[in-house]
Amino acid sequence: MKQQTIMGQALLGGHTACKVLYHQASDMVEVEVGGIRLRLEANSFIVMHEMLRKAAAKIVMQTSLEAGAGCAQAVIN
C-alpha cells in the first residue's frame, strides 16, 4: 500500500512496534504488530475495533475481580 498515513503507533512489551496505517485511496487499514501485517477494509477494521474494545473491557473486569478477590483473601488471612 502506497501513500499510507500512520493513524496510531505504540511500543508494546518486549519492544514490539505496533502501527495502524490508513490508505485513503483504497480505503484499507493495515495493522502492523512486530513482523505481522493484517490488511482490512476500513469498515472491517472498525468492526474488529469494537470486538477488541469489548474484549478488553471484559479482560479488565476479570482482572479487577480477581485482583479484588486476592486482596480480600489476603485481608481475611
N, C-alpha and C. Protein backbone atom coordinates (compact mmCIF):
# COMPACT_ATOMS: atom_id res chain seq x y z
N MET A 1 0.85 -1.18 0.00
CA MET A 1 0.00 0.00 0.00
C MET A 1 0.89 1.23 0.00
N LYS A 2 0.68 2.12 -0.97
CA LYS A 2 1.47 3.33 -1.06
C LYS A 2 0.70 4.51 -0.47
N GLN A 3 1.42 5.55 -0.10
CA GLN A 3 0.87 6.77 0.47
C GLN A 3 -0.05 6.48 1.65
N GLN A 4 0.52 5.81 2.63
CA GLN A 4 -0.21 5.49 3.85
C GLN A 4 -0.02 6.60 4.87
N THR A 5 -1.00 6.75 5.73
CA THR A 5 -0.91 7.69 6.83
C THR A 5 -0.88 6.89 8.12
N ILE A 6 0.09 7.17 8.98
CA ILE A 6 0.14 6.50 10.27
C ILE A 6 -0.96 7.10 11.14
N MET A 7 -1.92 6.28 11.52
CA MET A 7 -3.05 6.73 12.32
C MET A 7 -2.79 6.54 13.81
N GLY A 8 -1.91 5.62 14.15
CA GLY A 8 -1.57 5.37 15.55
C GLY A 8 -0.36 4.46 15.62
N GLN A 9 0.39 4.60 16.69
CA GLN A 9 1.53 3.71 16.90
C GLN A 9 1.84 3.63 18.38
N ALA A 10 2.41 2.49 18.77
CA ALA A 10 2.75 2.27 20.17
C ALA A 10 3.90 1.27 20.23
N LEU A 11 4.57 1.26 21.35
CA LEU A 11 5.61 0.28 21.60
C LEU A 11 5.07 -0.67 22.65
N LEU A 12 4.87 -1.92 22.27
CA LEU A 12 4.32 -2.91 23.18
C LEU A 12 5.44 -3.51 24.02
N GLY A 13 5.07 -4.35 24.98
CA GLY A 13 6.06 -5.03 25.80
C GLY A 13 7.05 -5.80 24.94
N GLY A 14 8.27 -5.90 25.40
CA GLY A 14 9.29 -6.59 24.62
C GLY A 14 9.76 -5.78 23.43
N HIS A 15 9.51 -4.48 23.45
CA HIS A 15 9.95 -3.56 22.39
C HIS A 15 9.37 -3.92 21.03
N THR A 16 8.15 -4.44 21.01
CA THR A 16 7.47 -4.77 19.76
C THR A 16 6.70 -3.54 19.28
N ALA A 17 6.99 -3.12 18.07
CA ALA A 17 6.32 -1.95 17.50
C ALA A 17 4.94 -2.35 16.98
N CYS A 18 3.99 -1.44 17.16
CA CYS A 18 2.62 -1.65 16.68
C CYS A 18 2.19 -0.36 15.98
N LYS A 19 1.66 -0.49 14.76
CA LYS A 19 1.21 0.67 13.99
C LYS A 19 -0.12 0.38 13.32
N VAL A 20 -0.89 1.43 13.15
CA VAL A 20 -2.11 1.36 12.34
C VAL A 20 -1.92 2.39 11.22
N LEU A 21 -1.96 1.91 9.99
CA LEU A 21 -1.77 2.76 8.82
C LEU A 21 -3.05 2.76 7.99
N TYR A 22 -3.35 3.89 7.35
CA TYR A 22 -4.55 4.01 6.53
C TYR A 22 -4.18 4.49 5.14
N HIS A 23 -4.75 3.82 4.14
CA HIS A 23 -4.55 4.19 2.74
C HIS A 23 -5.90 4.66 2.21
N GLN A 24 -6.05 5.98 2.09
CA GLN A 24 -7.34 6.58 1.75
C GLN A 24 -7.84 6.17 0.36
N ALA A 25 -6.95 6.10 -0.61
CA ALA A 25 -7.37 5.80 -1.98
C ALA A 25 -8.05 4.44 -2.10
N SER A 26 -7.57 3.45 -1.33
CA SER A 26 -8.17 2.12 -1.38
C SER A 26 -9.08 1.85 -0.19
N ASP A 27 -9.16 2.79 0.76
CA ASP A 27 -9.96 2.66 1.98
C ASP A 27 -9.59 1.39 2.74
N MET A 28 -8.26 1.16 2.84
CA MET A 28 -7.73 -0.01 3.53
C MET A 28 -6.94 0.41 4.75
N VAL A 29 -7.01 -0.43 5.78
CA VAL A 29 -6.25 -0.22 7.01
C VAL A 29 -5.26 -1.37 7.13
N GLU A 30 -4.07 -1.04 7.53
CA GLU A 30 -3.04 -2.06 7.76
C GLU A 30 -2.58 -1.96 9.21
N VAL A 31 -2.67 -3.08 9.91
CA VAL A 31 -2.22 -3.15 11.30
C VAL A 31 -0.91 -3.94 11.31
N GLU A 32 0.13 -3.32 11.82
CA GLU A 32 1.44 -3.99 11.93
C GLU A 32 1.75 -4.23 13.40
N VAL A 33 2.02 -5.47 13.74
CA VAL A 33 2.46 -5.83 15.09
C VAL A 33 3.72 -6.67 14.91
N GLY A 34 4.85 -6.07 15.28
CA GLY A 34 6.11 -6.76 15.03
C GLY A 34 6.26 -6.98 13.53
N GLY A 35 6.49 -8.22 13.14
CA GLY A 35 6.66 -8.56 11.73
C GLY A 35 5.39 -9.01 11.05
N ILE A 36 4.25 -8.90 11.72
CA ILE A 36 2.98 -9.36 11.16
C ILE A 36 2.16 -8.18 10.67
N ARG A 37 1.60 -8.31 9.47
CA ARG A 37 0.74 -7.26 8.91
C ARG A 37 -0.62 -7.85 8.62
N LEU A 38 -1.64 -7.11 9.02
CA LEU A 38 -3.01 -7.52 8.77
C LEU A 38 -3.68 -6.40 7.99
N ARG A 39 -4.18 -6.72 6.79
CA ARG A 39 -4.85 -5.72 5.94
C ARG A 39 -6.35 -5.95 5.98
N LEU A 40 -7.07 -4.87 6.22
CA LEU A 40 -8.52 -4.94 6.32
C LEU A 40 -9.15 -3.76 5.59
N GLU A 41 -10.36 -3.97 5.08
CA GLU A 41 -11.13 -2.84 4.60
C GLU A 41 -11.44 -1.99 5.82
N ALA A 42 -11.57 -0.69 5.64
CA ALA A 42 -11.77 0.21 6.77
C ALA A 42 -12.98 -0.17 7.62
N ASN A 43 -14.09 -0.54 6.97
CA ASN A 43 -15.28 -0.90 7.75
C ASN A 43 -15.05 -2.18 8.55
N SER A 44 -14.30 -3.12 8.03
CA SER A 44 -13.97 -4.34 8.77
C SER A 44 -13.06 -4.02 9.95
N PHE A 45 -12.15 -3.07 9.77
CA PHE A 45 -11.28 -2.65 10.86
C PHE A 45 -12.11 -2.06 12.00
N ILE A 46 -13.13 -1.28 11.66
CA ILE A 46 -13.98 -0.66 12.69
C ILE A 46 -14.75 -1.74 13.45
N VAL A 47 -15.24 -2.75 12.76
CA VAL A 47 -15.93 -3.87 13.43
C VAL A 47 -14.95 -4.60 14.34
N MET A 48 -13.73 -4.84 13.86
CA MET A 48 -12.72 -5.51 14.67
C MET A 48 -12.38 -4.66 15.90
N HIS A 49 -12.30 -3.35 15.72
CA HIS A 49 -12.02 -2.44 16.84
C HIS A 49 -13.07 -2.60 17.93
N GLU A 50 -14.34 -2.64 17.55
CA GLU A 50 -15.42 -2.81 18.54
C GLU A 50 -15.28 -4.13 19.28
N MET A 51 -14.99 -5.19 18.55
CA MET A 51 -14.82 -6.50 19.17
C MET A 51 -13.66 -6.49 20.15
N LEU A 52 -12.54 -5.88 19.77
CA LEU A 52 -11.37 -5.80 20.66
C LEU A 52 -11.64 -4.92 21.87
N ARG A 53 -12.38 -3.83 21.67
CA ARG A 53 -12.72 -2.94 22.78
C ARG A 53 -13.57 -3.67 23.82
N LYS A 54 -14.57 -4.43 23.34
CA LYS A 54 -15.42 -5.18 24.26
C LYS A 54 -14.63 -6.27 24.97
N ALA A 55 -13.76 -6.95 24.25
CA ALA A 55 -12.94 -8.00 24.86
C ALA A 55 -12.00 -7.40 25.90
N ALA A 56 -11.42 -6.24 25.60
CA ALA A 56 -10.52 -5.58 26.56
C ALA A 56 -11.27 -5.20 27.83
N ALA A 57 -12.50 -4.71 27.67
CA ALA A 57 -13.31 -4.35 28.85
C ALA A 57 -13.59 -5.57 29.70
N LYS A 58 -13.89 -6.71 29.06
CA LYS A 58 -14.14 -7.94 29.81
C LYS A 58 -12.87 -8.40 30.54
N ILE A 59 -11.74 -8.27 29.88
CA ILE A 59 -10.46 -8.67 30.50
C ILE A 59 -10.16 -7.78 31.69
N VAL A 60 -10.38 -6.48 31.55
CA VAL A 60 -10.15 -5.55 32.66
C VAL A 60 -11.05 -5.91 33.83
N MET A 61 -12.32 -6.18 33.55
CA MET A 61 -13.25 -6.55 34.62
C MET A 61 -12.82 -7.85 35.29
N GLN A 62 -12.42 -8.82 34.51
CA GLN A 62 -11.98 -10.11 35.06
C GLN A 62 -10.74 -9.91 35.92
N THR A 63 -9.80 -9.11 35.43
CA THR A 63 -8.57 -8.84 36.17
C THR A 63 -8.89 -8.10 37.46
N SER A 64 -9.78 -7.12 37.39
CA SER A 64 -10.17 -6.35 38.57
C SER A 64 -10.84 -7.24 39.60
N LEU A 65 -11.71 -8.15 39.14
CA LEU A 65 -12.40 -9.04 40.06
C LEU A 65 -11.42 -9.99 40.73
N GLU A 66 -10.50 -10.55 39.95
CA GLU A 66 -9.52 -11.46 40.52
C GLU A 66 -8.58 -10.74 41.47
N ALA A 67 -8.17 -9.53 41.12
CA ALA A 67 -7.28 -8.75 41.99
C ALA A 67 -8.01 -8.40 43.27
N GLY A 68 -9.29 -8.01 43.16
CA GLY A 68 -10.08 -7.68 44.34
C GLY A 68 -10.27 -8.89 45.23
N ALA A 69 -10.51 -10.04 44.64
CA ALA A 69 -10.69 -11.26 45.42
C ALA A 69 -9.40 -11.63 46.12
N GLY A 70 -8.27 -11.42 45.46
CA GLY A 70 -6.98 -11.70 46.07
C GLY A 70 -6.72 -10.79 47.26
N CYS A 71 -7.11 -9.52 47.13
CA CYS A 71 -6.94 -8.58 48.24
C CYS A 71 -7.82 -8.96 49.40
N ALA A 72 -9.07 -9.34 49.11
CA ALA A 72 -9.99 -9.73 50.18
C ALA A 72 -9.47 -10.97 50.89
N GLN A 73 -8.95 -11.90 50.14
CA GLN A 73 -8.40 -13.14 50.72
C GLN A 73 -7.21 -12.81 51.62
N ALA A 74 -6.37 -11.88 51.19
CA ALA A 74 -5.21 -11.52 51.99
C ALA A 74 -5.63 -10.87 53.30
N VAL A 75 -6.70 -10.09 53.28
CA VAL A 75 -7.19 -9.43 54.48
C VAL A 75 -7.78 -10.46 55.44
N ILE A 76 -8.50 -11.44 54.89
CA ILE A 76 -9.12 -12.47 55.73
C ILE A 76 -8.06 -13.30 56.43
N ASN A 77 -7.01 -13.64 55.72
CA ASN A 77 -5.95 -14.48 56.31
C ASN A 77 -5.09 -13.59 57.16
